Amino acid sequence: MKRSFFYGIAFLLATTSTLFAQQRWSAGPRAGLNLSNFIGDVNHMKFRPGVSVGGFVMYSDINHFGVSADVLYSQKGTIYKNNDQSVLNYKQHLNYLEVPILFRYFLNKSGNFRPNLFVGPNVGFKLNAKRLNESIDPREFDNGAAFRPIDLGATFGLSLNFRAGQAKRLHIDARYTLGLADIAQSAIALPTPDGNIRNSTLSLMVGYGFGVGQRHPSRR
């Protein structure tokens, strides 16, 4: 899966130069912080911090509309805390290769500062899952079989887009990803034997985009 992650980033970067010969396209790295949790038929869940890192390509028209695609290694999971001494507290690590496709609406057509709103689908491919039972054994164990291999979600948020030089842009994204599908493959994914769980993730990300191709005439 690690090899497919790097192949995915290379594919996104390579295809931008062949799809369009105008500098409406940009590509670059993106990284940030996740605060993730489980929602659904669960209680006593706390946010777990993690990282999200990868790359993106973006098409922004000389207008208000654009679209971007990311390939991200994303750390998710949760922390289960219950004051009931008879219940086992644990930390759940759940890592994905995520591909969000985001449709963007830019609040202005051009300029040094182009804030935009975005929304779109997000597909996550499970890489691995590990659980730490705090009160029993400090060692993590693999419980990947407890979770489904694919997660479907919806991502939306706000991006602040700053000119950072000739054909370069700094992107600051605040995004929320709501899981739309049950990720539990078996009852051992839950503190209770029945019910379903979905991912819920807040992310703050920073990206740096480089223009690809010839500059559009209106941007010369």
Foldseek 3Di string as FASTA:
>chain_A
DVVVLVVVQVVQVVVVQVPDQAQLKKKWKKKWKKFKWKDWPADQKGTDIDMKIFMKMKGADLAFKIKMKTWIWTWYWIWHDDPPPVFWTKTKIWIWGKIWIKIWTWPDSDDQKTKIKIKTKMKTFTDFMWMARPVPDRDIDTDRQQWDGMWIWMKIWMWIWGDDDDQKIKIKTWMKIWTDDFTTPAQVVGSDRDIGIGMIMIIIMIIMIGGHHHHDPVVD
